[in-house]
Amino acid sequence: MAAWYLALLCGYAGLRLFELWVSARHRRQLLAAGGQHIGEPFYPLMVCIHAGVFPACALEVVVCDRPVLPWLAGSMLTVLALCLLGRIWIWQSLGIQWNVGIVASPLPVVDSGPYRYVRHPNYTIVIAEFLALPLVHSAYVTALVCSLLNAFVLWHRVRLEEAVLFSRPDYVAKMGEKPRFLPRWDRGR
């Protein structure tokens, strides 16, 4: 396995740990402001999938002797760079409302930044990362398996999260007509 790929995996794992730290801080602030934490039955599975993608990538690359295909690695690194920029945009837009858990926030609904276009841009980024990170080093089995497991968790999570969000009339008014993951590119608008 290329040392730079191991560094990339470690960097992404470090980013996830940083996100957990920021999320815990945000959750405390939201709860102090009157927010309510919503329990998620599939959260432990989501954590396992998100943590497991890193060793799975490394294991597949080493055990199956996966090559680095320059055209694939380059395009997937570009996707990851765009995902990182998207994450920063999301964090900046949501402020303390960004969280890895589901918290019913008492704060105003955010409909700026990427939320001008879709309801769940963060999940779009996660979906892209689950494909791109393994494919940087041709770990296509990990990309497929982790993406399918992530899709299962997201299906349940989005349903629960939207039940909470759509209970707010202001959310319905601002976000109800927007697509979930990908913007509409309607002609003539």
N, C-alpha and C. Protein backbone atom coordinates (compact mmCIF):
# COMPACT_ATOMS: atom_id res chain seq x y z
N MET A 1 0.86 -1.17 0.00
CA MET A 1 0.00 0.00 0.00
C MET A 1 0.90 1.23 0.00
N ALA A 2 0.52 2.19 -0.82
CA ALA A 2 1.27 3.44 -0.89
C ALA A 2 1.17 4.19 0.44
N ALA A 3 2.31 4.70 0.90
CA ALA A 3 2.34 5.42 2.18
C ALA A 3 1.42 6.63 2.16
N TRP A 4 1.31 7.29 1.01
CA TRP A 4 0.44 8.47 0.93
C TRP A 4 -1.03 8.08 1.12
N TYR A 5 -1.40 6.85 0.70
CA TYR A 5 -2.79 6.42 0.89
C TYR A 5 -3.06 6.16 2.37
N LEU A 6 -2.10 5.56 3.05
CA LEU A 6 -2.25 5.35 4.49
C LEU A 6 -2.37 6.70 5.21
N ALA A 7 -1.58 7.68 4.77
CA ALA A 7 -1.67 9.02 5.35
C ALA A 7 -3.05 9.63 5.08
N LEU A 8 -3.58 9.41 3.88
CA LEU A 8 -4.92 9.92 3.55
C LEU A 8 -5.97 9.29 4.46
N LEU A 9 -5.90 7.97 4.64
CA LEU A 9 -6.85 7.28 5.51
C LEU A 9 -6.74 7.80 6.95
N CYS A 10 -5.51 7.97 7.42
CA CYS A 10 -5.32 8.48 8.78
C CYS A 10 -5.83 9.92 8.90
N GLY A 11 -5.60 10.71 7.87
CA GLY A 11 -6.10 12.09 7.87
C GLY A 11 -7.62 12.13 7.94
N TYR A 12 -8.27 11.28 7.16
CA TYR A 12 -9.74 11.24 7.20
C TYR A 12 -10.25 10.72 8.54
N ALA A 13 -9.57 9.72 9.09
CA ALA A 13 -9.96 9.22 10.42
C ALA A 13 -9.81 10.33 11.46
N GLY A 14 -8.73 11.09 11.36
CA GLY A 14 -8.53 12.23 12.27
C GLY A 14 -9.63 13.27 12.10
N LEU A 15 -10.03 13.50 10.87
CA LEU A 15 -11.13 14.45 10.62
C LEU A 15 -12.41 13.97 11.29
N ARG A 16 -12.68 12.67 11.21
CA ARG A 16 -13.89 12.13 11.85
C ARG A 16 -13.82 12.32 13.37
N LEU A 17 -12.65 12.10 13.96
CA LEU A 17 -12.51 12.30 15.42
C LEU A 17 -12.72 13.77 15.77
N PHE A 18 -12.17 14.66 14.97
CA PHE A 18 -12.38 16.09 15.19
C PHE A 18 -13.87 16.44 15.09
N GLU A 19 -14.56 15.85 14.10
CA GLU A 19 -16.00 16.09 13.95
C GLU A 19 -16.77 15.64 15.18
N LEU A 20 -16.39 14.50 15.76
CA LEU A 20 -17.05 14.02 16.97
C LEU A 20 -16.86 14.99 18.13
N TRP A 21 -15.66 15.54 18.24
CA TRP A 21 -15.38 16.52 19.30
C TRP A 21 -16.23 17.78 19.10
N VAL A 22 -16.24 18.30 17.87
CA VAL A 22 -17.04 19.50 17.57
C VAL A 22 -18.52 19.22 17.80
N SER A 23 -18.96 18.06 17.36
CA SER A 23 -20.36 17.68 17.52
C SER A 23 -20.78 17.64 18.99
N ALA A 24 -19.94 17.07 19.83
CA ALA A 24 -20.26 17.00 21.26
C ALA A 24 -20.39 18.41 21.85
N ARG A 25 -19.50 19.28 21.44
CA ARG A 25 -19.58 20.68 21.90
C ARG A 25 -20.87 21.34 21.42
N HIS A 26 -21.19 21.16 20.15
CA HIS A 26 -22.43 21.73 19.60
C HIS A 26 -23.66 21.15 20.30
N ARG A 27 -23.65 19.85 20.54
CA ARG A 27 -24.80 19.21 21.18
C ARG A 27 -25.03 19.84 22.56
N ARG A 28 -23.97 20.02 23.32
CA ARG A 28 -24.11 20.65 24.65
C ARG A 28 -24.71 22.04 24.52
N GLN A 29 -24.26 22.82 23.54
CA GLN A 29 -24.78 24.17 23.35
C GLN A 29 -26.25 24.14 22.95
N LEU A 30 -26.61 23.23 22.05
CA LEU A 30 -28.01 23.14 21.62
C LEU A 30 -28.92 22.70 22.76
N LEU A 31 -28.47 21.73 23.54
CA LEU A 31 -29.28 21.26 24.67
C LEU A 31 -29.43 22.37 25.71
N ALA A 32 -28.38 23.14 25.92
CA ALA A 32 -28.46 24.26 26.86
C ALA A 32 -29.42 25.34 26.37
N ALA A 33 -29.58 25.44 25.05
CA ALA A 33 -30.49 26.44 24.46
C ALA A 33 -31.92 25.92 24.35
N GLY A 34 -32.17 24.69 24.83
CA GLY A 34 -33.52 24.15 24.80
C GLY A 34 -33.74 23.07 23.76
N GLY A 35 -32.70 22.62 23.11
CA GLY A 35 -32.82 21.56 22.12
C GLY A 35 -33.08 20.21 22.78
N GLN A 36 -33.44 19.25 21.96
CA GLN A 36 -33.74 17.91 22.48
C GLN A 36 -33.00 16.88 21.63
N HIS A 37 -32.21 16.02 22.30
CA HIS A 37 -31.50 14.96 21.58
C HIS A 37 -32.50 13.85 21.24
N ILE A 38 -32.47 13.40 19.99
CA ILE A 38 -33.36 12.33 19.53
C ILE A 38 -32.54 11.05 19.40
N GLY A 39 -32.97 10.02 20.09
CA GLY A 39 -32.27 8.73 20.02
C GLY A 39 -32.43 8.08 18.66
N GLU A 40 -31.37 7.45 18.21
CA GLU A 40 -31.37 6.79 16.91
C GLU A 40 -31.01 5.32 17.08
N PRO A 41 -31.90 4.41 16.70
CA PRO A 41 -31.59 2.99 16.88
C PRO A 41 -30.42 2.51 16.02
N PHE A 42 -30.16 3.16 14.89
CA PHE A 42 -29.09 2.70 14.00
C PHE A 42 -27.80 3.50 14.15
N TYR A 43 -27.74 4.40 15.14
CA TYR A 43 -26.54 5.21 15.33
C TYR A 43 -25.29 4.36 15.59
N PRO A 44 -25.37 3.34 16.47
CA PRO A 44 -24.17 2.51 16.69
C PRO A 44 -23.68 1.83 15.40
N LEU A 45 -24.60 1.40 14.55
CA LEU A 45 -24.20 0.80 13.28
C LEU A 45 -23.54 1.85 12.38
N MET A 46 -24.08 3.06 12.38
CA MET A 46 -23.49 4.13 11.58
C MET A 46 -22.06 4.41 12.04
N VAL A 47 -21.84 4.44 13.34
CA VAL A 47 -20.49 4.68 13.88
C VAL A 47 -19.55 3.56 13.43
N CYS A 48 -20.01 2.32 13.50
CA CYS A 48 -19.19 1.18 13.08
C CYS A 48 -18.82 1.27 11.60
N ILE A 49 -19.77 1.64 10.77
CA ILE A 49 -19.51 1.76 9.33
C ILE A 49 -18.52 2.88 9.07
N HIS A 50 -18.74 4.02 9.71
CA HIS A 50 -17.87 5.17 9.49
C HIS A 50 -16.45 4.91 10.01
N ALA A 51 -16.34 4.20 11.12
CA ALA A 51 -15.02 3.86 11.65
C ALA A 51 -14.40 2.70 10.86
N GLY A 52 -15.22 1.79 10.42
CA GLY A 52 -14.72 0.59 9.75
C GLY A 52 -14.23 0.78 8.33
N VAL A 53 -14.65 1.87 7.69
CA VAL A 53 -14.24 2.07 6.30
C VAL A 53 -12.72 2.24 6.20
N PHE A 54 -12.08 2.82 7.20
CA PHE A 54 -10.64 3.07 7.14
C PHE A 54 -9.82 1.78 7.18
N PRO A 55 -10.02 0.92 8.19
CA PRO A 55 -9.27 -0.34 8.17
C PRO A 55 -9.69 -1.24 7.01
N ALA A 56 -10.95 -1.16 6.60
CA ALA A 56 -11.40 -1.99 5.47
C ALA A 56 -10.66 -1.60 4.19
N CYS A 57 -10.51 -0.30 3.96
CA CYS A 57 -9.75 0.16 2.79
C CYS A 57 -8.33 -0.38 2.83
N ALA A 58 -7.67 -0.19 3.96
CA ALA A 58 -6.27 -0.61 4.08
C ALA A 58 -6.15 -2.13 3.91
N LEU A 59 -7.04 -2.86 4.55
CA LEU A 59 -7.00 -4.32 4.47
C LEU A 59 -7.21 -4.81 3.05
N GLU A 60 -8.20 -4.25 2.36
CA GLU A 60 -8.45 -4.69 0.99
C GLU A 60 -7.26 -4.37 0.08
N VAL A 61 -6.68 -3.19 0.25
CA VAL A 61 -5.53 -2.80 -0.59
C VAL A 61 -4.36 -3.76 -0.37
N VAL A 62 -4.10 -4.11 0.89
CA VAL A 62 -2.95 -4.97 1.20
C VAL A 62 -3.24 -6.43 0.82
N VAL A 63 -4.36 -6.97 1.29
CA VAL A 63 -4.66 -8.39 1.08
C VAL A 63 -4.90 -8.70 -0.39
N CYS A 64 -5.62 -7.81 -1.08
CA CYS A 64 -5.96 -8.07 -2.49
C CYS A 64 -4.96 -7.43 -3.46
N ASP A 65 -3.93 -6.80 -2.91
CA ASP A 65 -2.89 -6.16 -3.73
C ASP A 65 -3.50 -5.23 -4.78
N ARG A 66 -4.37 -4.33 -4.30
CA ARG A 66 -5.04 -3.39 -5.21
C ARG A 66 -4.05 -2.37 -5.74
N PRO A 67 -4.10 -2.10 -7.03
CA PRO A 67 -3.19 -1.11 -7.61
C PRO A 67 -3.73 0.31 -7.47
N VAL A 68 -2.83 1.26 -7.64
CA VAL A 68 -3.25 2.64 -7.78
C VAL A 68 -3.38 2.89 -9.28
N LEU A 69 -4.58 3.19 -9.71
CA LEU A 69 -4.81 3.54 -11.11
C LEU A 69 -4.82 5.07 -11.18
N PRO A 70 -3.81 5.66 -11.81
CA PRO A 70 -3.69 7.13 -11.76
C PRO A 70 -4.95 7.88 -12.18
N TRP A 71 -5.63 7.45 -13.21
CA TRP A 71 -6.83 8.16 -13.66
C TRP A 71 -7.93 8.08 -12.60
N LEU A 72 -8.05 6.92 -11.94
CA LEU A 72 -9.08 6.74 -10.91
C LEU A 72 -8.67 7.48 -9.63
N ALA A 73 -7.42 7.32 -9.23
CA ALA A 73 -6.94 7.99 -8.02
C ALA A 73 -7.08 9.50 -8.15
N GLY A 74 -6.68 10.04 -9.29
CA GLY A 74 -6.78 11.49 -9.50
C GLY A 74 -8.20 12.00 -9.43
N SER A 75 -9.11 11.29 -10.09
CA SER A 75 -10.50 11.74 -10.09
C SER A 75 -11.13 11.60 -8.70
N MET A 76 -10.80 10.53 -7.97
CA MET A 76 -11.36 10.33 -6.63
C MET A 76 -10.76 11.32 -5.62
N LEU A 77 -9.48 11.66 -5.79
CA LEU A 77 -8.89 12.69 -4.92
C LEU A 77 -9.56 14.05 -5.18
N THR A 78 -9.92 14.31 -6.42
CA THR A 78 -10.65 15.55 -6.73
C THR A 78 -12.01 15.55 -6.06
N VAL A 79 -12.70 14.41 -6.11
CA VAL A 79 -14.00 14.29 -5.44
C VAL A 79 -13.84 14.54 -3.94
N LEU A 80 -12.81 13.94 -3.33
CA LEU A 80 -12.59 14.13 -1.89
C LEU A 80 -12.28 15.58 -1.55
N ALA A 81 -11.51 16.25 -2.40
CA ALA A 81 -11.22 17.67 -2.16
C ALA A 81 -12.50 18.50 -2.23
N LEU A 82 -13.35 18.20 -3.21
CA LEU A 82 -14.63 18.92 -3.32
C LEU A 82 -15.52 18.61 -2.11
N CYS A 83 -15.48 17.37 -1.64
CA CYS A 83 -16.25 17.01 -0.45
C CYS A 83 -15.77 17.79 0.77
N LEU A 84 -14.47 17.93 0.91
CA LEU A 84 -13.94 18.68 2.04
C LEU A 84 -14.38 20.14 1.98
N LEU A 85 -14.33 20.73 0.79
CA LEU A 85 -14.82 22.11 0.63
C LEU A 85 -16.31 22.19 0.95
N GLY A 86 -17.07 21.20 0.52
CA GLY A 86 -18.50 21.15 0.83
C GLY A 86 -18.76 21.04 2.32
N ARG A 87 -17.96 20.22 3.01
CA ARG A 87 -18.10 20.09 4.47
C ARG A 87 -17.87 21.43 5.17
N ILE A 88 -16.82 22.12 4.74
CA ILE A 88 -16.52 23.43 5.34
C ILE A 88 -17.69 24.37 5.11
N TRP A 89 -18.27 24.37 3.92
CA TRP A 89 -19.43 25.21 3.60
C TRP A 89 -20.61 24.86 4.51
N ILE A 90 -20.83 23.58 4.71
CA ILE A 90 -21.92 23.12 5.58
C ILE A 90 -21.67 23.56 7.01
N TRP A 91 -20.46 23.33 7.52
CA TRP A 91 -20.15 23.72 8.90
C TRP A 91 -20.35 25.21 9.09
N GLN A 92 -19.88 25.99 8.12
CA GLN A 92 -20.01 27.44 8.21
C GLN A 92 -21.49 27.85 8.18
N SER A 93 -22.27 27.18 7.36
CA SER A 93 -23.70 27.52 7.23
C SER A 93 -24.49 27.15 8.48
N LEU A 94 -24.25 25.98 9.04
CA LEU A 94 -25.03 25.50 10.18
C LEU A 94 -24.54 26.04 11.52
N GLY A 95 -23.27 26.36 11.63
CA GLY A 95 -22.75 26.81 12.91
C GLY A 95 -22.97 25.75 13.97
N ILE A 96 -23.49 26.14 15.14
CA ILE A 96 -23.65 25.17 16.23
C ILE A 96 -24.75 24.15 15.95
N GLN A 97 -25.53 24.33 14.91
CA GLN A 97 -26.56 23.35 14.60
C GLN A 97 -26.01 22.13 13.87
N TRP A 98 -24.73 22.19 13.44
CA TRP A 98 -24.13 21.01 12.82
C TRP A 98 -23.84 20.00 13.91
N ASN A 99 -24.25 18.75 13.68
CA ASN A 99 -24.14 17.72 14.68
C ASN A 99 -24.14 16.36 14.01
N VAL A 100 -23.43 15.38 14.59
CA VAL A 100 -23.48 14.03 14.03
C VAL A 100 -24.70 13.26 14.52
N GLY A 101 -25.32 13.74 15.57
CA GLY A 101 -26.55 13.14 16.05
C GLY A 101 -27.74 13.96 15.58
N ILE A 102 -28.91 13.51 15.94
CA ILE A 102 -30.12 14.27 15.61
C ILE A 102 -30.54 15.03 16.86
N VAL A 103 -30.55 16.35 16.74
CA VAL A 103 -30.96 17.21 17.84
C VAL A 103 -32.06 18.12 17.32
N ALA A 104 -33.22 18.10 17.96
CA ALA A 104 -34.30 19.02 17.62
C ALA A 104 -33.86 20.39 18.12
N SER A 105 -33.51 21.25 17.20
CA SER A 105 -32.93 22.54 17.54
C SER A 105 -34.01 23.59 17.75
N PRO A 106 -33.83 24.43 18.78
CA PRO A 106 -34.75 25.54 18.98
C PRO A 106 -34.36 26.77 18.15
N LEU A 107 -33.24 26.69 17.45
CA LEU A 107 -32.72 27.83 16.69
C LEU A 107 -33.40 27.93 15.33
N PRO A 108 -33.30 29.08 14.68
CA PRO A 108 -33.95 29.24 13.37
C PRO A 108 -33.43 28.24 12.33
N VAL A 109 -34.30 27.88 11.42
CA VAL A 109 -33.96 26.95 10.34
C VAL A 109 -32.94 27.61 9.42
N VAL A 110 -31.89 26.88 9.10
CA VAL A 110 -30.86 27.37 8.19
C VAL A 110 -31.28 27.03 6.76
N ASP A 111 -31.40 28.06 5.93
CA ASP A 111 -31.73 27.84 4.52
C ASP A 111 -30.78 28.62 3.62
N SER A 112 -29.55 28.79 4.12
CA SER A 112 -28.52 29.48 3.34
C SER A 112 -27.40 28.49 3.05
N GLY A 113 -26.39 28.97 2.31
CA GLY A 113 -25.29 28.08 1.93
C GLY A 113 -25.83 26.96 1.05
N PRO A 114 -25.35 25.74 1.25
CA PRO A 114 -25.84 24.63 0.42
C PRO A 114 -27.30 24.28 0.70
N TYR A 115 -27.80 24.75 1.84
CA TYR A 115 -29.21 24.50 2.20
C TYR A 115 -30.17 25.34 1.37
N ARG A 116 -29.64 26.24 0.58
CA ARG A 116 -30.48 26.95 -0.40
C ARG A 116 -30.97 25.99 -1.48
N TYR A 117 -30.24 24.90 -1.70
CA TYR A 117 -30.49 24.01 -2.83
C TYR A 117 -31.06 22.65 -2.44
N VAL A 118 -30.61 22.12 -1.30
CA VAL A 118 -31.05 20.78 -0.87
C VAL A 118 -31.22 20.74 0.64
N ARG A 119 -31.96 19.73 1.11
CA ARG A 119 -32.21 19.59 2.54
C ARG A 119 -31.06 18.91 3.28
N HIS A 120 -30.33 18.02 2.61
CA HIS A 120 -29.31 17.22 3.29
C HIS A 120 -27.99 17.17 2.52
N PRO A 121 -27.33 18.32 2.34
CA PRO A 121 -26.06 18.29 1.59
C PRO A 121 -24.97 17.47 2.29
N ASN A 122 -25.01 17.41 3.61
CA ASN A 122 -23.99 16.64 4.33
C ASN A 122 -24.05 15.17 3.95
N TYR A 123 -25.25 14.63 3.80
CA TYR A 123 -25.38 13.22 3.43
C TYR A 123 -24.92 12.98 2.01
N THR A 124 -25.13 13.94 1.14
CA THR A 124 -24.62 13.84 -0.23
C THR A 124 -23.11 13.69 -0.20
N ILE A 125 -22.47 14.48 0.64
CA ILE A 125 -21.01 14.42 0.76
C ILE A 125 -20.57 13.08 1.33
N VAL A 126 -21.24 12.60 2.34
CA VAL A 126 -20.89 11.31 2.94
C VAL A 126 -21.01 10.19 1.91
N ILE A 127 -22.07 10.21 1.12
CA ILE A 127 -22.26 9.20 0.07
C ILE A 127 -21.08 9.24 -0.91
N ALA A 128 -20.70 10.44 -1.32
CA ALA A 128 -19.57 10.58 -2.26
C ALA A 128 -18.27 10.11 -1.62
N GLU A 129 -18.05 10.43 -0.36
CA GLU A 129 -16.82 10.02 0.32
C GLU A 129 -16.72 8.50 0.46
N PHE A 130 -17.84 7.84 0.73
CA PHE A 130 -17.83 6.38 0.88
C PHE A 130 -17.46 5.68 -0.43
N LEU A 131 -17.72 6.33 -1.52
CA LEU A 131 -17.28 5.77 -2.81
C LEU A 131 -15.85 6.19 -3.13
N ALA A 132 -15.54 7.46 -2.94
CA ALA A 132 -14.26 8.00 -3.40
C ALA A 132 -13.07 7.53 -2.57
N LEU A 133 -13.18 7.52 -1.25
CA LEU A 133 -12.03 7.20 -0.41
C LEU A 133 -11.47 5.80 -0.73
N PRO A 134 -12.29 4.77 -0.80
CA PRO A 134 -11.73 3.46 -1.15
C PRO A 134 -11.22 3.39 -2.60
N LEU A 135 -11.91 4.07 -3.50
CA LEU A 135 -11.53 3.97 -4.92
C LEU A 135 -10.24 4.70 -5.25
N VAL A 136 -9.77 5.57 -4.37
CA VAL A 136 -8.47 6.22 -4.59
C VAL A 136 -7.40 5.15 -4.81
N HIS A 137 -7.52 4.02 -4.11
CA HIS A 137 -6.54 2.93 -4.24
C HIS A 137 -7.22 1.65 -4.73
N SER A 138 -8.28 1.81 -5.52
CA SER A 138 -8.98 0.69 -6.18
C SER A 138 -9.59 -0.33 -5.23
N ALA A 139 -9.96 0.08 -4.02
CA ALA A 139 -10.61 -0.82 -3.07
C ALA A 139 -12.10 -0.85 -3.37
N TYR A 140 -12.47 -1.44 -4.48
CA TYR A 140 -13.85 -1.37 -4.95
C TYR A 140 -14.81 -2.21 -4.11
N VAL A 141 -14.34 -3.28 -3.48
CA VAL A 141 -15.23 -4.09 -2.63
C VAL A 141 -15.62 -3.25 -1.40
N THR A 142 -14.65 -2.59 -0.80
CA THR A 142 -14.95 -1.72 0.35
C THR A 142 -15.89 -0.60 -0.07
N ALA A 143 -15.64 -0.01 -1.23
CA ALA A 143 -16.52 1.07 -1.71
C ALA A 143 -17.95 0.57 -1.83
N LEU A 144 -18.13 -0.60 -2.39
CA LEU A 144 -19.47 -1.15 -2.60
C LEU A 144 -20.13 -1.54 -1.29
N VAL A 145 -19.44 -2.33 -0.48
CA VAL A 145 -20.03 -2.83 0.77
C VAL A 145 -20.33 -1.69 1.74
N CYS A 146 -19.36 -0.81 1.95
CA CYS A 146 -19.59 0.30 2.89
C CYS A 146 -20.66 1.26 2.37
N SER A 147 -20.71 1.45 1.07
CA SER A 147 -21.75 2.33 0.50
C SER A 147 -23.14 1.73 0.69
N LEU A 148 -23.26 0.43 0.50
CA LEU A 148 -24.56 -0.22 0.70
C LEU A 148 -24.98 -0.18 2.16
N LEU A 149 -24.04 -0.46 3.06
CA LEU A 149 -24.36 -0.38 4.49
C LEU A 149 -24.73 1.05 4.89
N ASN A 150 -23.99 2.01 4.36
CA ASN A 150 -24.29 3.42 4.64
C ASN A 150 -25.67 3.80 4.09
N ALA A 151 -26.01 3.30 2.92
CA ALA A 151 -27.34 3.59 2.35
C ALA A 151 -28.45 3.06 3.25
N PHE A 152 -28.25 1.88 3.80
CA PHE A 152 -29.23 1.30 4.73
C PHE A 152 -29.42 2.20 5.95
N VAL A 153 -28.30 2.61 6.55
CA VAL A 153 -28.36 3.46 7.74
C VAL A 153 -28.98 4.82 7.39
N LEU A 154 -28.54 5.40 6.27
CA LEU A 154 -29.07 6.72 5.89
C LEU A 154 -30.57 6.67 5.61
N TRP A 155 -31.03 5.60 5.03
CA TRP A 155 -32.47 5.48 4.74
C TRP A 155 -33.26 5.61 6.04
N HIS A 156 -32.82 4.91 7.08
CA HIS A 156 -33.50 4.99 8.38
C HIS A 156 -33.28 6.35 9.04
N ARG A 157 -32.07 6.83 8.95
CA ARG A 157 -31.73 8.09 9.63
C ARG A 157 -32.48 9.27 9.03
N VAL A 158 -32.52 9.36 7.72
CA VAL A 158 -33.19 10.49 7.06
C VAL A 158 -34.68 10.47 7.39
N ARG A 159 -35.26 9.30 7.43
CA ARG A 159 -36.69 9.23 7.80
C ARG A 159 -36.93 9.78 9.20
N LEU A 160 -36.10 9.39 10.16
CA LEU A 160 -36.23 9.87 11.53
C LEU A 160 -35.95 11.37 11.61
N GLU A 161 -34.86 11.80 10.98
CA GLU A 161 -34.49 13.21 11.02
C GLU A 161 -35.57 14.08 10.38
N GLU A 162 -36.11 13.64 9.26
CA GLU A 162 -37.14 14.44 8.61
C GLU A 162 -38.45 14.45 9.39
N ALA A 163 -38.73 13.40 10.13
CA ALA A 163 -39.92 13.42 10.99
C ALA A 163 -39.78 14.55 12.03
N VAL A 164 -38.57 14.71 12.57
CA VAL A 164 -38.31 15.78 13.54
C VAL A 164 -38.38 17.14 12.84
N LEU A 165 -37.69 17.26 11.71
CA LEU A 165 -37.62 18.55 11.03
C LEU A 165 -38.98 19.00 10.49
N PHE A 166 -39.72 18.08 9.89
CA PHE A 166 -41.01 18.45 9.29
C PHE A 166 -42.09 18.69 10.34
N SER A 167 -41.78 18.45 11.62
CA SER A 167 -42.74 18.82 12.67
C SER A 167 -42.69 20.33 12.95
N ARG A 168 -41.69 21.00 12.36
CA ARG A 168 -41.55 22.45 12.52
C ARG A 168 -42.16 23.16 11.31
N PRO A 169 -43.17 23.98 11.52
CA PRO A 169 -43.78 24.70 10.40
C PRO A 169 -42.78 25.58 9.63
N ASP A 170 -41.81 26.17 10.35
CA ASP A 170 -40.83 27.01 9.67
C ASP A 170 -39.92 26.18 8.76
N TYR A 171 -39.65 24.94 9.14
CA TYR A 171 -38.85 24.06 8.28
C TYR A 171 -39.65 23.69 7.03
N VAL A 172 -40.91 23.37 7.22
CA VAL A 172 -41.76 23.02 6.07
C VAL A 172 -41.81 24.19 5.09
N ALA A 173 -41.97 25.40 5.62
CA ALA A 173 -42.08 26.59 4.76
C ALA A 173 -40.78 26.85 3.99
N LYS A 174 -39.64 26.70 4.67
CA LYS A 174 -38.36 27.04 4.03
C LYS A 174 -37.75 25.89 3.23
N MET A 175 -37.98 24.64 3.66
CA MET A 175 -37.25 23.52 3.08
C MET A 175 -38.14 22.47 2.42
N GLY A 176 -39.43 22.54 2.65
CA GLY A 176 -40.33 21.47 2.24
C GLY A 176 -40.33 21.12 0.77
N GLU A 177 -40.08 22.08 -0.08
CA GLU A 177 -40.11 21.82 -1.53
C GLU A 177 -38.74 21.50 -2.11
N LYS A 178 -37.71 21.57 -1.30
CA LYS A 178 -36.36 21.32 -1.80
C LYS A 178 -36.09 19.81 -1.86
N PRO A 179 -35.28 19.38 -2.81
CA PRO A 179 -34.93 17.96 -2.88
C PRO A 179 -34.02 17.57 -1.71
N ARG A 180 -33.94 16.28 -1.44
CA ARG A 180 -33.14 15.81 -0.31
C ARG A 180 -31.63 15.97 -0.53
N PHE A 181 -31.13 15.40 -1.62
CA PHE A 181 -29.68 15.26 -1.76
C PHE A 181 -29.05 16.02 -2.92
N LEU A 182 -29.71 16.10 -4.03
CA LEU A 182 -29.13 16.75 -5.22
C LEU A 182 -30.03 17.88 -5.67
N PRO A 183 -29.45 19.02 -6.02
CA PRO A 183 -30.28 20.15 -6.46
C PRO A 183 -30.97 19.86 -7.77
N ARG A 184 -32.09 20.51 -7.94
CA ARG A 184 -32.79 20.46 -9.23
C ARG A 184 -32.19 21.52 -10.12
N TRP A 185 -31.95 21.19 -11.31
CA TRP A 185 -31.42 22.16 -12.28
C TRP A 185 -32.50 22.42 -13.32
N ASP A 186 -33.61 23.00 -12.84
CA ASP A 186 -34.74 23.29 -13.72
C ASP A 186 -34.34 24.32 -14.77
N ARG A 187 -34.77 24.06 -15.97
CA ARG A 187 -34.51 25.01 -17.05
C ARG A 187 -35.46 26.19 -16.91
N GLY A 188 -34.98 27.34 -17.29
CA GLY A 188 -35.83 28.52 -17.30
C GLY A 188 -35.96 29.21 -15.96
N ARG A 189 -35.17 28.79 -14.99
CA ARG A 189 -35.25 29.44 -13.67
C ARG A 189 -34.15 30.42 -13.51
